[in-house]
Amino acid sequence: MNHLKRCAWVTDNPLYMDYHDKEWGVPIYDEPLLFEFLMLEGMQAGLNWLTILKKRDNYRLAFDNFDATLISNYNETKRADLMNNAGIIRNRLKIEAIIGNAKAYLTFKN
């Protein structure tokens, strides 16, 4: 029986174990997925990664599946909706960072 040896930072949380076993350390070549991970890393600042993993699906819903074009056009109404979304980290600077990063990402992509 082949047992995977996990890193010491992995807890016994199934979400964390699945992330470690299937995603952590795996190169990403898909640009939208890479953009998603970069944005989630920004959300993690000051928090632990498990907190973000638990909210990952909520982030995908809240930020239009990390579609940079849609995010770059968010207006004040959408920003207010995000600030009221209990499923994500409601930090105005982090939300604005995702919007600004989407604009920067599109500038470099085009």
PDB file of N, CA and C in Angstrom:
ATOM      1  N   MET A   1       0.840  -1.168   0.000  1.00  0.00           N
ATOM      2  CA  MET A   1       0.000   0.000   0.000  1.00  0.00           C
ATOM      3  C   MET A   1       0.895   1.243   0.000  1.00  0.00           C
ATOM      4  N   ASN A   2       0.647   2.154  -0.920  1.00  0.00           N
ATOM      5  CA  ASN A   2       1.465   3.357  -1.068  1.00  0.00           C
ATOM      6  C   ASN A   2       0.843   4.491  -0.249  1.00  0.00           C
ATOM      7  N   HIS A   3       1.565   4.992   0.729  1.00  0.00           N
ATOM      8  CA  HIS A   3       1.080   6.095   1.546  1.00  0.00           C
ATOM      9  C   HIS A   3       1.837   7.361   1.165  1.00  0.00           C
ATOM     10  N   LEU A   4       1.086   8.400   0.941  1.00  0.00           N
ATOM     11  CA  LEU A   4       1.673   9.691   0.623  1.00  0.00           C
ATOM     12  C   LEU A   4       2.152  10.344   1.914  1.00  0.00           C
ATOM     13  N   LYS A   5       3.385  10.788   1.908  1.00  0.00           N
ATOM     14  CA  LYS A   5       3.907  11.504   3.075  1.00  0.00           C
ATOM     15  C   LYS A   5       3.593  12.978   2.867  1.00  0.00           C
ATOM     16  N   ARG A   6       2.841  13.520   3.795  1.00  0.00           N
ATOM     17  CA  ARG A   6       2.447  14.921   3.692  1.00  0.00           C
ATOM     18  C   ARG A   6       3.421  15.814   4.468  1.00  0.00           C
ATOM     19  N   CYS A   7       3.463  17.060   4.067  1.00  0.00           N
ATOM     20  CA  CYS A   7       4.276  18.061   4.748  1.00  0.00           C
ATOM     21  C   CYS A   7       3.755  18.269   6.167  1.00  0.00           C
ATOM     22  N   ALA A   8       4.622  18.722   7.035  1.00  0.00           N
ATOM     23  CA  ALA A   8       4.280  18.893   8.452  1.00  0.00           C
ATOM     24  C   ALA A   8       3.178  19.934   8.669  1.00  0.00           C
ATOM     25  N   TRP A   9       3.017  20.883   7.741  1.00  0.00           N
ATOM     26  CA  TRP A   9       2.021  21.935   7.924  1.00  0.00           C
ATOM     27  C   TRP A   9       0.595  21.484   7.620  1.00  0.00           C
ATOM     28  N   VAL A  10       0.426  20.301   7.069  1.00  0.00           N
ATOM     29  CA  VAL A  10      -0.907  19.820   6.704  1.00  0.00           C
ATOM     30  C   VAL A  10      -1.601  19.255   7.939  1.00  0.00           C
ATOM     31  N   THR A  11      -2.788  19.781   8.229  1.00  0.00           N
ATOM     32  CA  THR A  11      -3.577  19.267   9.347  1.00  0.00           C
ATOM     33  C   THR A  11      -4.422  18.090   8.870  1.00  0.00           C
ATOM     34  N   ASP A  12      -5.190  17.518   9.744  1.00  0.00           N
ATOM     35  CA  ASP A  12      -6.029  16.385   9.366  1.00  0.00           C
ATOM     36  C   ASP A  12      -7.360  16.829   8.737  1.00  0.00           C
ATOM     37  N   ASN A  13      -7.486  18.079   8.398  1.00  0.00           N
ATOM     38  CA  ASN A  13      -8.677  18.582   7.724  1.00  0.00           C
ATOM     39  C   ASN A  13      -8.708  18.032   6.293  1.00  0.00           C
ATOM     40  N   PRO A  14      -9.785  17.376   5.881  1.00  0.00           N
ATOM     41  CA  PRO A  14      -9.862  16.789   4.537  1.00  0.00           C
ATOM     42  C   PRO A  14      -9.641  17.805   3.408  1.00  0.00           C
ATOM     43  N   LEU A  15     -10.127  19.016   3.590  1.00  0.00           N
ATOM     44  CA  LEU A  15      -9.935  20.058   2.582  1.00  0.00           C
ATOM     45  C   LEU A  15      -8.454  20.379   2.411  1.00  0.00           C
ATOM     46  N   TYR A  16      -7.759  20.486   3.532  1.00  0.00           N
ATOM     47  CA  TYR A  16      -6.324  20.776   3.517  1.00  0.00           C
ATOM     48  C   TYR A  16      -5.536  19.615   2.905  1.00  0.00           C
ATOM     49  N   MET A  17      -5.901  18.392   3.278  1.00  0.00           N
ATOM     50  CA  MET A  17      -5.206  17.220   2.749  1.00  0.00           C
ATOM     51  C   MET A  17      -5.414  17.107   1.245  1.00  0.00           C
ATOM     52  N   ASP A  18      -6.631  17.350   0.782  1.00  0.00           N
ATOM     53  CA  ASP A  18      -6.922  17.280  -0.648  1.00  0.00           C
ATOM     54  C   ASP A  18      -6.129  18.337  -1.411  1.00  0.00           C
ATOM     55  N   TYR A  19      -6.080  19.548  -0.856  1.00  0.00           N
ATOM     56  CA  TYR A  19      -5.297  20.622  -1.484  1.00  0.00           C
ATOM     57  C   TYR A  19      -3.821  20.207  -1.571  1.00  0.00           C
ATOM     58  N   HIS A  20      -3.282  19.709  -0.468  1.00  0.00           N
ATOM     59  CA  HIS A  20      -1.878  19.293  -0.448  1.00  0.00           C
ATOM     60  C   HIS A  20      -1.605  18.196  -1.477  1.00  0.00           C
ATOM     61  N   ASP A  21      -2.477  17.205  -1.500  1.00  0.00           N
ATOM     62  CA  ASP A  21      -2.247  16.026  -2.338  1.00  0.00           C
ATOM     63  C   ASP A  21      -2.446  16.287  -3.829  1.00  0.00           C
ATOM     64  N   LYS A  22      -3.323  17.238  -4.184  1.00  0.00           N
ATOM     65  CA  LYS A  22      -3.680  17.413  -5.589  1.00  0.00           C
ATOM     66  C   LYS A  22      -3.258  18.738  -6.214  1.00  0.00           C
ATOM     67  N   GLU A  23      -2.984  19.759  -5.375  1.00  0.00           N
ATOM     68  CA  GLU A  23      -2.707  21.076  -5.954  1.00  0.00           C
ATOM     69  C   GLU A  23      -1.386  21.694  -5.518  1.00  0.00           C
ATOM     70  N   TRP A  24      -1.023  21.545  -4.250  1.00  0.00           N
ATOM     71  CA  TRP A  24       0.161  22.222  -3.730  1.00  0.00           C
ATOM     72  C   TRP A  24       1.414  21.705  -4.437  1.00  0.00           C
ATOM     73  N   GLY A  25       2.194  22.617  -4.924  1.00  0.00           N
ATOM     74  CA  GLY A  25       3.445  22.253  -5.577  1.00  0.00           C
ATOM     75  C   GLY A  25       3.294  21.799  -7.018  1.00  0.00           C
ATOM     76  N   VAL A  26       2.076  21.807  -7.539  1.00  0.00           N
ATOM     77  CA  VAL A  26       1.840  21.392  -8.925  1.00  0.00           C
ATOM     78  C   VAL A  26       1.925  22.636  -9.810  1.00  0.00           C
ATOM     79  N   PRO A  27       2.776  22.619 -10.826  1.00  0.00           N
ATOM     80  CA  PRO A  27       2.878  23.785 -11.707  1.00  0.00           C
ATOM     81  C   PRO A  27       1.522  24.099 -12.363  1.00  0.00           C
ATOM     82  N   ILE A  28       1.237  25.385 -12.504  1.00  0.00           N
ATOM     83  CA  ILE A  28      -0.005  25.832 -13.130  1.00  0.00           C
ATOM     84  C   ILE A  28       0.342  26.513 -14.453  1.00  0.00           C
ATOM     85  N   TYR A  29      -0.268  26.027 -15.523  1.00  0.00           N
ATOM     86  CA  TYR A  29      -0.059  26.599 -16.849  1.00  0.00           C
ATOM     87  C   TYR A  29      -1.332  27.236 -17.391  1.00  0.00           C
ATOM     88  N   ASP A  30      -2.432  27.029 -16.704  1.00  0.00           N
ATOM     89  CA  ASP A  30      -3.719  27.589 -17.079  1.00  0.00           C
ATOM     90  C   ASP A  30      -3.807  29.014 -16.531  1.00  0.00           C
ATOM     91  N   GLU A  31      -3.840  30.007 -17.413  1.00  0.00           N
ATOM     92  CA  GLU A  31      -3.781  31.399 -16.956  1.00  0.00           C
ATOM     93  C   GLU A  31      -4.932  31.801 -16.036  1.00  0.00           C
ATOM     94  N   PRO A  32      -6.181  31.446 -16.340  1.00  0.00           N
ATOM     95  CA  PRO A  32      -7.251  31.811 -15.397  1.00  0.00           C
ATOM     96  C   PRO A  32      -7.068  31.172 -14.011  1.00  0.00           C
ATOM     97  N   LEU A  33      -6.608  29.940 -13.962  1.00  0.00           N
ATOM     98  CA  LEU A  33      -6.373  29.290 -12.674  1.00  0.00           C
ATOM     99  C   LEU A  33      -5.210  29.953 -11.943  1.00  0.00           C
ATOM    100  N   LEU A  34      -4.182  30.330 -12.671  1.00  0.00           N
ATOM    101  CA  LEU A  34      -3.058  31.029 -12.063  1.00  0.00           C
ATOM    102  C   LEU A  34      -3.518  32.369 -11.489  1.00  0.00           C
ATOM    103  N   PHE A  35      -4.362  33.085 -12.237  1.00  0.00           N
ATOM    104  CA  PHE A  35      -4.910  34.350 -11.751  1.00  0.00           C
ATOM    105  C   PHE A  35      -5.696  34.112 -10.460  1.00  0.00           C
ATOM    106  N   GLU A  36      -6.513  33.059 -10.437  1.00  0.00           N
ATOM    107  CA  GLU A  36      -7.281  32.729  -9.230  1.00  0.00           C
ATOM    108  C   GLU A  36      -6.355  32.516  -8.037  1.00  0.00           C
ATOM    109  N   PHE A  37      -5.322  31.707  -8.215  1.00  0.00           N
ATOM    110  CA  PHE A  37      -4.412  31.433  -7.108  1.00  0.00           C
ATOM    111  C   PHE A  37      -3.702  32.698  -6.638  1.00  0.00           C
ATOM    112  N   LEU A  38      -3.314  33.544  -7.553  1.00  0.00           N
ATOM    113  CA  LEU A  38      -2.650  34.787  -7.160  1.00  0.00           C
ATOM    114  C   LEU A  38      -3.583  35.664  -6.340  1.00  0.00           C
ATOM    115  N   MET A  39      -4.860  35.715  -6.739  1.00  0.00           N
ATOM    116  CA  MET A  39      -5.818  36.526  -6.001  1.00  0.00           C
ATOM    117  C   MET A  39      -6.094  35.917  -4.627  1.00  0.00           C
ATOM    118  N   LEU A  40      -6.207  34.605  -4.558  1.00  0.00           N
ATOM    119  CA  LEU A  40      -6.436  33.951  -3.265  1.00  0.00           C
ATOM    120  C   LEU A  40      -5.243  34.133  -2.334  1.00  0.00           C
ATOM    121  N   GLU A  41      -4.041  34.107  -2.890  1.00  0.00           N
ATOM    122  CA  GLU A  41      -2.846  34.350  -2.069  1.00  0.00           C
ATOM    123  C   GLU A  41      -2.902  35.736  -1.440  1.00  0.00           C
ATOM    124  N   GLY A  42      -3.366  36.707  -2.200  1.00  0.00           N
ATOM    125  CA  GLY A  42      -3.518  38.054  -1.664  1.00  0.00           C
ATOM    126  C   GLY A  42      -4.540  38.116  -0.546  1.00  0.00           C
ATOM    127  N   MET A  43      -5.592  37.359  -0.676  1.00  0.00           N
ATOM    128  CA  MET A  43      -6.622  37.314   0.361  1.00  0.00           C
ATOM    129  C   MET A  43      -6.097  36.663   1.635  1.00  0.00           C
ATOM    130  N   GLN A  44      -5.118  35.796   1.485  1.00  0.00           N
ATOM    131  CA  GLN A  44      -4.572  35.047   2.612  1.00  0.00           C
ATOM    132  C   GLN A  44      -3.699  35.903   3.523  1.00  0.00           C
ATOM    133  N   ALA A  45      -3.219  37.027   3.051  1.00  0.00           N
ATOM    134  CA  ALA A  45      -2.313  37.859   3.846  1.00  0.00           C
ATOM    135  C   ALA A  45      -2.885  38.105   5.246  1.00  0.00           C
ATOM    136  N   GLY A  46      -2.127  37.715   6.256  1.00  0.00           N
ATOM    137  CA  GLY A  46      -2.538  37.886   7.636  1.00  0.00           C
ATOM    138  C   GLY A  46      -3.433  36.773   8.161  1.00  0.00           C
ATOM    139  N   LEU A  47      -3.755  35.829   7.307  1.00  0.00           N
ATOM    140  CA  LEU A  47      -4.626  34.708   7.687  1.00  0.00           C
ATOM    141  C   LEU A  47      -3.912  33.404   7.365  1.00  0.00           C
ATOM    142  N   ASN A  48      -4.562  32.290   7.643  1.00  0.00           N
ATOM    143  CA  ASN A  48      -3.943  31.029   7.234  1.00  0.00           C
ATOM    144  C   ASN A  48      -4.622  30.509   5.965  1.00  0.00           C
ATOM    145  N   TRP A  49      -3.924  29.658   5.263  1.00  0.00           N
ATOM    146  CA  TRP A  49      -4.390  29.183   3.965  1.00  0.00           C
ATOM    147  C   TRP A  49      -5.675  28.371   4.091  1.00  0.00           C
ATOM    148  N   LEU A  50      -5.854  27.654   5.163  1.00  0.00           N
ATOM    149  CA  LEU A  50      -7.062  26.865   5.350  1.00  0.00           C
ATOM    150  C   LEU A  50      -8.300  27.765   5.388  1.00  0.00           C
ATOM    151  N   THR A  51      -8.181  28.930   5.976  1.00  0.00           N
ATOM    152  CA  THR A  51      -9.288  29.887   5.988  1.00  0.00           C
ATOM    153  C   THR A  51      -9.713  30.225   4.566  1.00  0.00           C
ATOM    154  N   ILE A  52      -8.744  30.440   3.703  1.00  0.00           N
ATOM    155  CA  ILE A  52      -9.032  30.780   2.306  1.00  0.00           C
ATOM    156  C   ILE A  52      -9.602  29.570   1.571  1.00  0.00           C
ATOM    157  N   LEU A  53      -9.041  28.404   1.795  1.00  0.00           N
ATOM    158  CA  LEU A  53      -9.561  27.204   1.143  1.00  0.00           C
ATOM    159  C   LEU A  53     -11.037  26.975   1.487  1.00  0.00           C
ATOM    160  N   LYS A  54     -11.394  27.236   2.725  1.00  0.00           N
ATOM    161  CA  LYS A  54     -12.782  27.064   3.143  1.00  0.00           C
ATOM    162  C   LYS A  54     -13.714  28.042   2.423  1.00  0.00           C
ATOM    163  N   LYS A  55     -13.188  29.183   2.020  1.00  0.00           N
ATOM    164  CA  LYS A  55     -13.990  30.212   1.360  1.00  0.00           C
ATOM    165  C   LYS A  55     -13.798  30.233  -0.164  1.00  0.00           C
ATOM    166  N   ARG A  56     -13.016  29.326  -0.680  1.00  0.00           N
ATOM    167  CA  ARG A  56     -12.653  29.332  -2.097  1.00  0.00           C
ATOM    168  C   ARG A  56     -13.859  29.317  -3.020  1.00  0.00           C
ATOM    169  N   ASP A  57     -14.812  28.437  -2.772  1.00  0.00           N
ATOM    170  CA  ASP A  57     -16.001  28.390  -3.623  1.00  0.00           C
ATOM    171  C   ASP A  57     -16.792  29.692  -3.542  1.00  0.00           C
ATOM    172  N   ASN A  58     -16.844  30.290  -2.354  1.00  0.00           N
ATOM    173  CA  ASN A  58     -17.525  31.580  -2.206  1.00  0.00           C
ATOM    174  C   ASN A  58     -16.816  32.667  -3.010  1.00  0.00           C
ATOM    175  N   TYR A  59     -15.486  32.626  -3.012  1.00  0.00           N
ATOM    176  CA  TYR A  59     -14.729  33.596  -3.815  1.00  0.00           C
ATOM    177  C   TYR A  59     -15.020  33.419  -5.299  1.00  0.00           C
ATOM    178  N   ARG A  60     -15.082  32.180  -5.741  1.00  0.00           N
ATOM    179  CA  ARG A  60     -15.375  31.929  -7.156  1.00  0.00           C
ATOM    180  C   ARG A  60     -16.735  32.507  -7.534  1.00  0.00           C
ATOM    181  N   LEU A  61     -17.718  32.323  -6.669  1.00  0.00           N
ATOM    182  CA  LEU A  61     -19.046  32.877  -6.937  1.00  0.00           C
ATOM    183  C   LEU A  61     -19.034  34.400  -6.878  1.00  0.00           C
ATOM    184  N   ALA A  62     -18.438  34.943  -5.844  1.00  0.00           N
ATOM    185  CA  ALA A  62     -18.437  36.393  -5.633  1.00  0.00           C
ATOM    186  C   ALA A  62     -17.673  37.136  -6.723  1.00  0.00           C
ATOM    187  N   PHE A  63     -16.590  36.528  -7.227  1.00  0.00           N
ATOM    188  CA  PHE A  63     -15.732  37.190  -8.203  1.00  0.00           C
ATOM    189  C   PHE A  63     -15.856  36.562  -9.597  1.00  0.00           C
ATOM    190  N   ASP A  64     -17.081  36.167  -9.945  1.00  0.00           N
ATOM    191  CA  ASP A  64     -17.380  35.704 -11.305  1.00  0.00           C
ATOM    192  C   ASP A  64     -16.368  34.694 -11.813  1.00  0.00           C
ATOM    193  N   ASN A  65     -16.096  33.690 -10.989  1.00  0.00           N
ATOM    194  CA  ASN A  65     -15.148  32.626 -11.334  1.00  0.00           C
ATOM    195  C   ASN A  65     -13.778  33.185 -11.738  1.00  0.00           C
ATOM    196  N   PHE A  66     -13.432  34.293 -11.111  1.00  0.00           N
ATOM    197  CA  PHE A  66     -12.141  34.963 -11.341  1.00  0.00           C
ATOM    198  C   PHE A  66     -11.935  35.343 -12.808  1.00  0.00           C
ATOM    199  N   ASP A  67     -12.999  35.784 -13.448  1.00  0.00           N
ATOM    200  CA  ASP A  67     -12.919  36.296 -14.819  1.00  0.00           C
ATOM    201  C   ASP A  67     -12.378  37.729 -14.733  1.00  0.00           C
ATOM    202  N   ALA A  68     -11.137  37.904 -15.128  1.00  0.00           N
ATOM    203  CA  ALA A  68     -10.462  39.202 -14.970  1.00  0.00           C
ATOM    204  C   ALA A  68     -11.182  40.319 -15.721  1.00  0.00           C
ATOM    205  N   THR A  69     -11.745  40.017 -16.865  1.00  0.00           N
ATOM    206  CA  THR A  69     -12.453  41.044 -17.642  1.00  0.00           C
ATOM    207  C   THR A  69     -13.667  41.552 -16.870  1.00  0.00           C
ATOM    208  N   LEU A  70     -14.445  40.627 -16.324  1.00  0.00           N
ATOM    209  CA  LEU A  70     -15.615  41.037 -15.535  1.00  0.00           C
ATOM    210  C   LEU A  70     -15.186  41.793 -14.279  1.00  0.00           C
ATOM    211  N   ILE A  71     -14.187  41.276 -13.587  1.00  0.00           N
ATOM    212  CA  ILE A  71     -13.730  41.907 -12.344  1.00  0.00           C
ATOM    213  C   ILE A  71     -13.223  43.318 -12.603  1.00  0.00           C
ATOM    214  N   SER A  72     -12.511  43.514 -13.692  1.00  0.00           N
ATOM    215  CA  SER A  72     -11.936  44.840 -13.982  1.00  0.00           C
ATOM    216  C   SER A  72     -13.004  45.904 -14.204  1.00  0.00           C
ATOM    217  N   ASN A  73     -14.229  45.487 -14.444  1.00  0.00           N
ATOM    218  CA  ASN A  73     -15.332  46.427 -14.695  1.00  0.00           C
ATOM    219  C   ASN A  73     -16.298  46.547 -13.519  1.00  0.00           C
ATOM    220  N   TYR A  74     -15.922  46.059 -12.357  1.00  0.00           N
ATOM    221  CA  TYR A  74     -16.810  46.144 -11.197  1.00  0.00           C
ATOM    222  C   TYR A  74     -17.081  47.604 -10.848  1.00  0.00           C
ATOM    223  N   ASN A  75     -18.341  47.889 -10.607  1.00  0.00           N
ATOM    224  CA  ASN A  75     -18.737  49.250 -10.238  1.00  0.00           C
ATOM    225  C   ASN A  75     -18.947  49.341  -8.720  1.00  0.00           C
ATOM    226  N   GLU A  76     -19.407  50.492  -8.267  1.00  0.00           N
ATOM    227  CA  GLU A  76     -19.589  50.704  -6.827  1.00  0.00           C
ATOM    228  C   GLU A  76     -20.641  49.774  -6.231  1.00  0.00           C
ATOM    229  N   THR A  77     -21.662  49.447  -7.005  1.00  0.00           N
ATOM    230  CA  THR A  77     -22.694  48.529  -6.519  1.00  0.00           C
ATOM    231  C   THR A  77     -22.101  47.149  -6.265  1.00  0.00           C
ATOM    232  N   LYS A  78     -21.311  46.665  -7.205  1.00  0.00           N
ATOM    233  CA  LYS A  78     -20.680  45.358  -7.037  1.00  0.00           C
ATOM    234  C   LYS A  78     -19.702  45.378  -5.873  1.00  0.00           C
ATOM    235  N   ARG A  79     -18.956  46.458  -5.744  1.00  0.00           N
ATOM    236  CA  ARG A  79     -18.017  46.579  -4.625  1.00  0.00           C
ATOM    237  C   ARG A  79     -18.772  46.511  -3.283  1.00  0.00           C
ATOM    238  N   ALA A  80     -19.917  47.197  -3.213  1.00  0.00           N
ATOM    239  CA  ALA A  80     -20.723  47.177  -1.990  1.00  0.00           C
ATOM    240  C   ALA A  80     -21.253  45.772  -1.726  1.00  0.00           C
ATOM    241  N   ASP A  81     -21.674  45.080  -2.777  1.00  0.00           N
ATOM    242  CA  ASP A  81     -22.130  43.693  -2.623  1.00  0.00           C
ATOM    243  C   ASP A  81     -21.021  42.817  -2.053  1.00  0.00           C
ATOM    244  N   LEU A  82     -19.811  42.999  -2.542  1.00  0.00           N
ATOM    245  CA  LEU A  82     -18.675  42.219  -2.048  1.00  0.00           C
ATOM    246  C   LEU A  82     -18.399  42.523  -0.575  1.00  0.00           C
ATOM    247  N   MET A  83     -18.504  43.779  -0.198  1.00  0.00           N
ATOM    248  CA  MET A  83     -18.270  44.151   1.200  1.00  0.00           C
ATOM    249  C   MET A  83     -19.332  43.566   2.129  1.00  0.00           C
ATOM    250  N   ASN A  84     -20.486  43.227   1.583  1.00  0.00           N
ATOM    251  CA  ASN A  84     -21.571  42.647   2.382  1.00  0.00           C
ATOM    252  C   ASN A  84     -21.653  41.133   2.260  1.00  0.00           C
ATOM    253  N   ASN A  85     -20.729  40.537   1.542  1.00  0.00           N
ATOM    254  CA  ASN A  85     -20.747  39.095   1.301  1.00  0.00           C
ATOM    255  C   ASN A  85     -20.030  38.372   2.449  1.00  0.00           C
ATOM    256  N   ALA A  86     -20.795  37.707   3.296  1.00  0.00           N
ATOM    257  CA  ALA A  86     -20.225  37.028   4.454  1.00  0.00           C
ATOM    258  C   ALA A  86     -19.417  35.791   4.075  1.00  0.00           C
ATOM    259  N   GLY A  87     -19.480  35.380   2.812  1.00  0.00           N
ATOM    260  CA  GLY A  87     -18.756  34.191   2.372  1.00  0.00           C
ATOM    261  C   GLY A  87     -17.301  34.433   2.022  1.00  0.00           C
ATOM    262  N   ILE A  88     -16.900  35.708   1.990  1.00  0.00           N
ATOM    263  CA  ILE A  88     -15.515  36.053   1.655  1.00  0.00           C
ATOM    264  C   ILE A  88     -14.933  36.917   2.775  1.00  0.00           C
ATOM    265  N   ILE A  89     -13.641  37.201   2.667  1.00  0.00           N
ATOM    266  CA  ILE A  89     -12.996  38.124   3.602  1.00  0.00           C
ATOM    267  C   ILE A  89     -13.420  39.529   3.189  1.00  0.00           C
ATOM    268  N   ARG A  90     -14.140  40.208   4.057  1.00  0.00           N
ATOM    269  CA  ARG A  90     -14.700  41.521   3.712  1.00  0.00           C
ATOM    270  C   ARG A  90     -13.750  42.637   4.122  1.00  0.00           C
ATOM    271  N   ASN A  91     -12.653  42.698   3.421  1.00  0.00           N
ATOM    272  CA  ASN A  91     -11.647  43.715   3.650  1.00  0.00           C
ATOM    273  C   ASN A  91     -11.590  44.574   2.395  1.00  0.00           C
ATOM    274  N   ARG A  92     -11.943  45.830   2.532  1.00  0.00           N
ATOM    275  CA  ARG A  92     -12.037  46.720   1.361  1.00  0.00           C
ATOM    276  C   ARG A  92     -10.724  46.770   0.564  1.00  0.00           C
ATOM    277  N   LEU A  93      -9.605  46.843   1.259  1.00  0.00           N
ATOM    278  CA  LEU A  93      -8.328  46.920   0.549  1.00  0.00           C
ATOM    279  C   LEU A  93      -8.051  45.646  -0.247  1.00  0.00           C
ATOM    280  N   LYS A  94      -8.405  44.492   0.308  1.00  0.00           N
ATOM    281  CA  LYS A  94      -8.183  43.229  -0.401  1.00  0.00           C
ATOM    282  C   LYS A  94      -9.120  43.108  -1.599  1.00  0.00           C
ATOM    283  N   ILE A  95     -10.350  43.550  -1.443  1.00  0.00           N
ATOM    284  CA  ILE A  95     -11.300  43.532  -2.563  1.00  0.00           C
ATOM    285  C   ILE A  95     -10.820  44.464  -3.664  1.00  0.00           C
ATOM    286  N   GLU A  96     -10.401  45.661  -3.290  1.00  0.00           N
ATOM    287  CA  GLU A  96      -9.887  46.619  -4.282  1.00  0.00           C
ATOM    288  C   GLU A  96      -8.624  46.085  -4.944  1.00  0.00           C
ATOM    289  N   ALA A  97      -7.820  45.330  -4.203  1.00  0.00           N
ATOM    290  CA  ALA A  97      -6.608  44.743  -4.775  1.00  0.00           C
ATOM    291  C   ALA A  97      -6.960  43.745  -5.875  1.00  0.00           C
ATOM    292  N   ILE A  98      -7.983  42.935  -5.660  1.00  0.00           N
ATOM    293  CA  ILE A  98      -8.386  41.981  -6.705  1.00  0.00           C
ATOM    294  C   ILE A  98      -8.825  42.733  -7.950  1.00  0.00           C
ATOM    295  N   ILE A  99      -9.593  43.801  -7.778  1.00  0.00           N
ATOM    296  CA  ILE A  99     -10.062  44.581  -8.929  1.00  0.00           C
ATOM    297  C   ILE A  99      -8.876  45.228  -9.654  1.00  0.00           C
ATOM    298  N   GLY A 100      -7.984  45.827  -8.898  1.00  0.00           N
ATOM    299  CA  GLY A 100      -6.791  46.442  -9.498  1.00  0.00           C
ATOM    300  C   GLY A 100      -5.890  45.411 -10.156  1.00  0.00           C
ATOM    301  N   ASN A 101      -5.755  44.253  -9.531  1.00  0.00           N
ATOM    302  CA  ASN A 101      -4.930  43.192 -10.114  1.00  0.00           C
ATOM    303  C   ASN A 101      -5.547  42.650 -11.397  1.00  0.00           C
ATOM    304  N   ALA A 102      -6.855  42.604 -11.468  1.00  0.00           N
ATOM    305  CA  ALA A 102      -7.514  42.160 -12.698  1.00  0.00           C
ATOM    306  C   ALA A 102      -7.186  43.122 -13.838  1.00  0.00           C
ATOM    307  N   LYS A 103      -7.210  44.409 -13.552  1.00  0.00           N
ATOM    308  CA  LYS A 103      -6.871  45.411 -14.571  1.00  0.00           C
ATOM    309  C   LYS A 103      -5.414  45.261 -15.003  1.00  0.00           C
ATOM    310  N   ALA A 104      -4.521  45.067 -14.050  1.00  0.00           N
ATOM    311  CA  ALA A 104      -3.095  44.894 -14.368  1.00  0.00           C
ATOM    312  C   ALA A 104      -2.874  43.608 -15.159  1.00  0.00           C
ATOM    313  N   TYR A 105      -3.534  42.548 -14.752  1.00  0.00           N
ATOM    314  CA  TYR A 105      -3.428  41.259 -15.448  1.00  0.00           C
ATOM    315  C   TYR A 105      -3.835  41.414 -16.919  1.00  0.00           C
ATOM    316  N   LEU A 106      -4.936  42.106 -17.167  1.00  0.00           N
ATOM    317  CA  LEU A 106      -5.392  42.301 -18.539  1.00  0.00           C
ATOM    318  C   LEU A 106      -4.430  43.158 -19.354  1.00  0.00           C
ATOM    319  N   THR A 107      -3.807  44.120 -18.701  1.00  0.00           N
ATOM    320  CA  THR A 107      -2.817  44.971 -19.381  1.00  0.00           C
ATOM    321  C   THR A 107      -1.645  44.130 -19.861  1.00  0.00           C
ATOM    322  N   PHE A 108      -1.161  43.229 -19.004  1.00  0.00           N
ATOM    323  CA  PHE A 108      -0.023  42.382 -19.375  1.00  0.00           C
ATOM    324  C   PHE A 108      -0.430  41.290 -20.343  1.00  0.00           C
ATOM    325  N   LYS A 109      -1.640  40.817 -20.213  1.00  0.00           N
ATOM    326  CA  LYS A 109      -2.124  39.726 -21.080  1.00  0.00           C
ATOM    327  C   LYS A 109      -2.311  40.206 -22.522  1.00  0.00           C
ATOM    328  N   ASN A 110      -2.753  41.445 -22.648  1.00  0.00           N
ATOM    329  CA  ASN A 110      -3.024  41.999 -23.977  1.00  0.00           C
ATOM    330  C   ASN A 110      -1.804  42.654 -24.493  1.00  0.00           C
TER     331      ASN A 110
END
